[in-house]
Amino acid sequence: MIRGAAETIDSPLPLEGDLPFSPGGERYAHLVDRILELAPKHRRVLITSPGNGDGKTVTAANLALAFTARKKSVLLVELAFERPRLASVFGTPPSRLGVASVLAGHCSLDKIVCRRNDNGLNLAMAGLARSAPDALAADQFFGKPFEDMLKEAEDSYDWTIYDGPSVGSSPQILELARAVGFTLLVVRKRSPVARLRRALRRMDDAINLAILNNR
């Protein structure tokens, strides 16, 4: 069950979430208003979608930029290890270490964060590609390093946006949604109805808000 009202977002390209007078910037500003109205207490949002290609990553990036436009310190964290896309949006990070290294307990979150000086957005990218079937194994993904990462992000930033895996690609997506505490579902306009229904069944009551990507 989706507890928040569904919103409509036109194609999120290009990145204009922090441009208040652009059409996309106005739509993402409205989306920020809705999230603030629903007030997730931990100031963090998980972005997911029924499947790949729904516009999840660019929506996450634009939403993070929209929060920076409100003069909020924002961290955009990439959790879609099986299909990392943030590097294609923002460029290759300066370090090969990433969120995968944090979850493996090899380093802390602050060691991998890079900052975009043009807009003040902080990025924590996935790191080295993870292609193994157990890339999101529960014993690693939901262990103490994961809990420490959530806490460090909450303590260090006003808002944290998590670009998560799609519902169809992650066996642990429901647990991840409940751990983060607030979930935004991005649905492509022409997404197969059967895939959307499967996603809603899997997510139970963990979806707080849904947007329609008019692509």
Protein backbone atom coordinates (compact mmCIF):
# COMPACT_ATOMS: atom_id res chain seq x y z
CA MET A 1 0.00 0.00 0.00
CA ILE A 2 1.34 3.44 -0.92
CA ARG A 3 0.70 5.76 2.01
CA GLY A 4 1.48 9.03 0.21
CA ALA A 5 -0.22 10.41 -2.86
CA ALA A 6 1.33 9.62 -6.23
CA GLU A 7 3.09 12.49 -7.97
CA THR A 8 4.00 13.02 -11.63
CA ILE A 9 7.52 13.81 -12.80
CA ASP A 10 8.28 14.33 -16.47
CA SER A 11 11.49 12.87 -17.88
CA PRO A 12 14.12 13.78 -15.27
CA LEU A 13 16.89 14.52 -17.78
CA PRO A 14 18.73 16.84 -17.72
CA LEU A 15 19.86 17.40 -14.14
CA GLU A 16 17.96 20.48 -13.06
CA GLY A 17 16.71 19.68 -9.57
CA ASP A 18 18.62 22.68 -8.17
CA LEU A 19 17.43 25.11 -10.86
CA PRO A 20 14.30 26.60 -9.27
CA PHE A 21 13.05 28.43 -12.36
CA SER A 22 13.33 25.49 -14.75
CA PRO A 23 10.34 23.20 -15.36
CA GLY A 24 12.16 20.22 -13.85
CA GLY A 25 13.38 22.28 -10.91
CA GLU A 26 9.83 23.36 -10.09
CA ARG A 27 8.59 19.77 -10.18
CA TYR A 28 11.36 18.54 -7.91
CA ALA A 29 10.78 21.45 -5.55
CA HIS A 30 7.17 20.28 -5.30
CA LEU A 31 8.41 16.74 -4.60
CA VAL A 32 10.63 18.03 -1.78
CA ASP A 33 7.59 19.82 -0.32
CA ARG A 34 5.66 16.53 -0.30
CA ILE A 35 8.51 14.68 1.41
CA LEU A 36 8.85 17.40 4.03
CA GLU A 37 5.10 17.26 4.57
CA LEU A 38 5.30 13.52 5.25
CA ALA A 39 8.39 14.27 7.41
CA PRO A 40 10.56 11.14 7.55
CA LYS A 41 12.06 11.40 11.01
CA HIS A 42 15.56 10.22 10.07
CA ARG A 43 15.83 12.68 7.15
CA ARG A 44 16.68 9.96 4.66
CA VAL A 45 14.93 8.65 1.55
CA LEU A 46 15.40 5.40 -0.37
CA ILE A 47 14.71 5.61 -4.12
CA THR A 48 13.66 2.42 -5.85
CA SER A 49 11.61 1.33 -8.87
CA PRO A 50 9.85 -1.80 -10.13
CA GLY A 51 12.69 -2.60 -12.56
CA ASN A 52 15.68 -1.19 -14.39
CA GLY A 53 15.27 1.75 -16.76
CA ASP A 54 12.49 3.50 -14.84
CA GLY A 55 14.52 6.66 -14.13
CA LYS A 56 15.40 5.81 -10.52
CA THR A 57 19.00 7.05 -10.47
CA VAL A 58 18.41 10.37 -12.19
CA THR A 59 15.38 10.92 -9.96
CA ALA A 60 17.60 10.31 -6.92
CA ALA A 61 20.20 12.75 -8.27
CA ASN A 62 17.62 15.45 -9.02
CA LEU A 63 15.97 15.04 -5.64
CA ALA A 64 19.34 15.41 -3.92
CA LEU A 65 20.01 18.56 -5.94
CA ALA A 66 16.57 19.91 -5.02
CA PHE A 67 17.42 19.55 -1.34
CA THR A 68 20.76 21.33 -1.86
CA ALA A 69 18.80 24.19 -3.44
CA ARG A 70 17.08 24.55 -0.04
CA LYS A 71 20.52 25.12 1.52
CA LYS A 72 20.52 21.64 3.05
CA SER A 73 23.65 19.53 3.32
CA VAL A 74 22.88 16.42 1.29
CA LEU A 75 24.62 13.09 0.76
CA LEU A 76 23.67 10.97 -2.25
CA VAL A 77 24.55 7.33 -1.58
CA GLU A 78 24.63 4.62 -4.25
CA LEU A 79 23.32 1.24 -3.12
CA ALA A 80 22.53 -0.27 -6.54
CA PHE A 81 25.68 -2.41 -6.65
CA GLU A 82 24.49 -4.70 -9.41
CA ARG A 83 23.94 -1.74 -11.78
CA PRO A 84 25.74 1.38 -10.50
CA ARG A 85 24.86 4.46 -12.55
CA LEU A 86 25.95 7.54 -10.60
CA ALA A 87 29.35 7.66 -12.30
CA SER A 88 27.55 8.03 -15.65
CA VAL A 89 25.67 11.02 -14.21
CA PHE A 90 28.40 12.79 -12.23
CA GLY A 91 31.64 11.35 -13.61
CA THR A 92 34.16 8.88 -12.23
CA PRO A 93 34.94 9.43 -8.52
CA PRO A 94 38.54 10.17 -7.49
CA SER A 95 38.86 6.97 -5.45
CA ARG A 96 38.22 3.33 -6.32
CA LEU A 97 36.87 2.84 -2.82
CA GLY A 98 33.14 3.22 -2.41
CA VAL A 99 30.08 2.16 -0.45
CA ALA A 100 30.95 -1.50 -1.07
CA SER A 101 34.18 -0.94 0.89
CA VAL A 102 32.24 0.70 3.74
CA LEU A 103 29.79 -2.20 3.98
CA ALA A 104 32.69 -4.67 3.94
CA GLY A 105 34.12 -2.88 6.97
CA HIS A 106 37.26 -1.71 5.16
CA CYS A 107 36.72 2.02 5.75
CA SER A 108 34.28 4.53 7.17
CA LEU A 109 31.78 6.57 5.16
CA ASP A 110 33.72 9.84 5.41
CA LYS A 111 36.70 8.26 3.60
CA ILE A 112 34.77 7.73 0.37
CA VAL A 113 32.60 10.87 0.13
CA CYS A 114 33.48 13.28 -2.67
CA ARG A 115 31.97 16.75 -3.08
CA ARG A 116 30.69 18.51 -6.18
CA ASN A 117 31.90 22.05 -5.59
CA ASP A 118 29.60 23.52 -8.24
CA ASN A 119 26.46 22.74 -6.24
CA GLY A 120 27.59 21.45 -2.84
CA LEU A 121 26.27 17.93 -3.36
CA ASN A 122 28.14 15.15 -1.53
CA LEU A 123 28.45 11.78 -3.26
CA ALA A 124 29.16 8.27 -2.01
CA MET A 125 29.34 6.03 -5.07
CA ALA A 126 29.17 2.26 -5.11
CA GLY A 127 32.86 1.68 -5.81
CA LEU A 128 34.18 -1.38 -7.61
CA ALA A 129 31.55 -3.21 -9.65
CA ARG A 130 29.93 -6.09 -7.77
CA SER A 131 28.69 -8.81 -10.10
CA ALA A 132 28.50 -11.76 -7.69
CA PRO A 133 25.00 -13.09 -6.96
CA ASP A 134 25.51 -12.41 -3.25
CA ALA A 135 26.51 -8.75 -3.77
CA LEU A 136 23.67 -7.74 -1.45
CA ALA A 137 24.01 -10.64 0.97
CA ALA A 138 22.06 -9.91 4.14
CA ASP A 139 24.93 -10.79 6.50
CA GLN A 140 27.03 -8.01 4.95
CA PHE A 141 24.43 -5.54 3.77
CA PHE A 142 22.57 -5.35 7.07
CA GLY A 143 25.43 -5.83 9.50
CA LYS A 144 27.07 -3.35 11.84
CA PRO A 145 28.95 -1.48 9.04
CA PHE A 146 25.60 -0.77 7.37
CA GLU A 147 24.08 0.46 10.64
CA ASP A 148 27.17 2.61 11.27
CA MET A 149 26.88 4.08 7.76
CA LEU A 150 23.24 5.06 8.32
CA LYS A 151 24.12 6.65 11.65
CA GLU A 152 27.18 8.52 10.32
CA ALA A 153 25.17 9.92 7.41
CA GLU A 154 22.35 10.98 9.72
CA ASP A 155 24.79 12.72 12.06
CA SER A 156 26.78 14.46 9.32
CA TYR A 157 24.15 15.62 6.80
CA ASP A 158 20.73 17.22 6.86
CA TRP A 159 19.39 14.69 4.35
CA THR A 160 20.62 11.44 2.83
CA ILE A 161 19.24 10.18 -0.47
CA TYR A 162 19.88 6.48 -1.13
CA ASP A 163 19.85 5.39 -4.77
CA GLY A 164 18.77 1.83 -4.09
CA PRO A 165 18.44 -1.27 -6.22
CA SER A 166 15.24 -1.88 -8.14
CA VAL A 167 12.59 -4.08 -6.55
CA GLY A 168 13.04 -6.72 -9.22
CA SER A 169 16.80 -7.01 -8.74
CA SER A 170 17.16 -7.17 -4.96
CA PRO A 171 15.94 -9.98 -2.69
CA GLN A 172 16.55 -7.69 0.30
CA ILE A 173 14.75 -4.57 -0.98
CA LEU A 174 11.93 -4.73 1.60
CA GLU A 175 14.41 -5.03 4.48
CA LEU A 176 16.43 -2.18 3.01
CA ALA A 177 13.34 0.03 2.72
CA ARG A 178 12.40 -0.60 6.33
CA ALA A 179 15.96 0.08 7.51
CA VAL A 180 16.08 3.45 5.72
CA GLY A 181 12.58 4.33 6.87
CA PHE A 182 11.09 6.26 3.92
CA THR A 183 10.76 4.88 0.39
CA LEU A 184 10.00 6.66 -2.89
CA LEU A 185 8.95 4.42 -5.79
CA VAL A 186 9.70 5.69 -9.32
CA VAL A 187 7.38 4.20 -11.95
CA ARG A 188 7.94 4.72 -15.66
CA LYS A 189 4.75 5.66 -17.50
CA ARG A 190 4.98 2.68 -19.85
CA SER A 191 6.19 0.24 -17.24
CA PRO A 192 4.47 -3.16 -17.58
CA VAL A 193 1.49 -3.36 -15.25
CA ALA A 194 2.39 -6.90 -14.15
CA ARG A 195 5.86 -5.75 -13.07
CA LEU A 196 4.38 -2.88 -11.08
CA ARG A 197 1.95 -5.21 -9.33
CA ARG A 198 4.77 -7.59 -8.41
CA ALA A 199 6.76 -4.69 -7.00
CA LEU A 200 3.83 -3.48 -4.89
CA ARG A 201 3.23 -6.97 -3.51
CA ARG A 202 6.90 -7.39 -2.58
CA MET A 203 7.13 -3.99 -0.92
CA ASP A 204 4.07 -4.62 1.27
CA ASP A 205 3.41 -1.32 3.12
CA ALA A 206 6.97 0.07 2.86
CA ILE A 207 6.30 2.56 0.04
CA ASN A 208 5.62 6.05 1.35
CA LEU A 209 5.36 7.98 -1.91
CA ALA A 210 5.28 7.14 -5.63
CA ILE A 211 6.03 9.28 -8.67
CA LEU A 212 5.23 8.67 -12.31
CA ASN A 213 8.11 9.29 -14.70
CA ASN A 214 6.46 10.39 -17.97
CA ARG A 215 8.99 8.84 -20.33
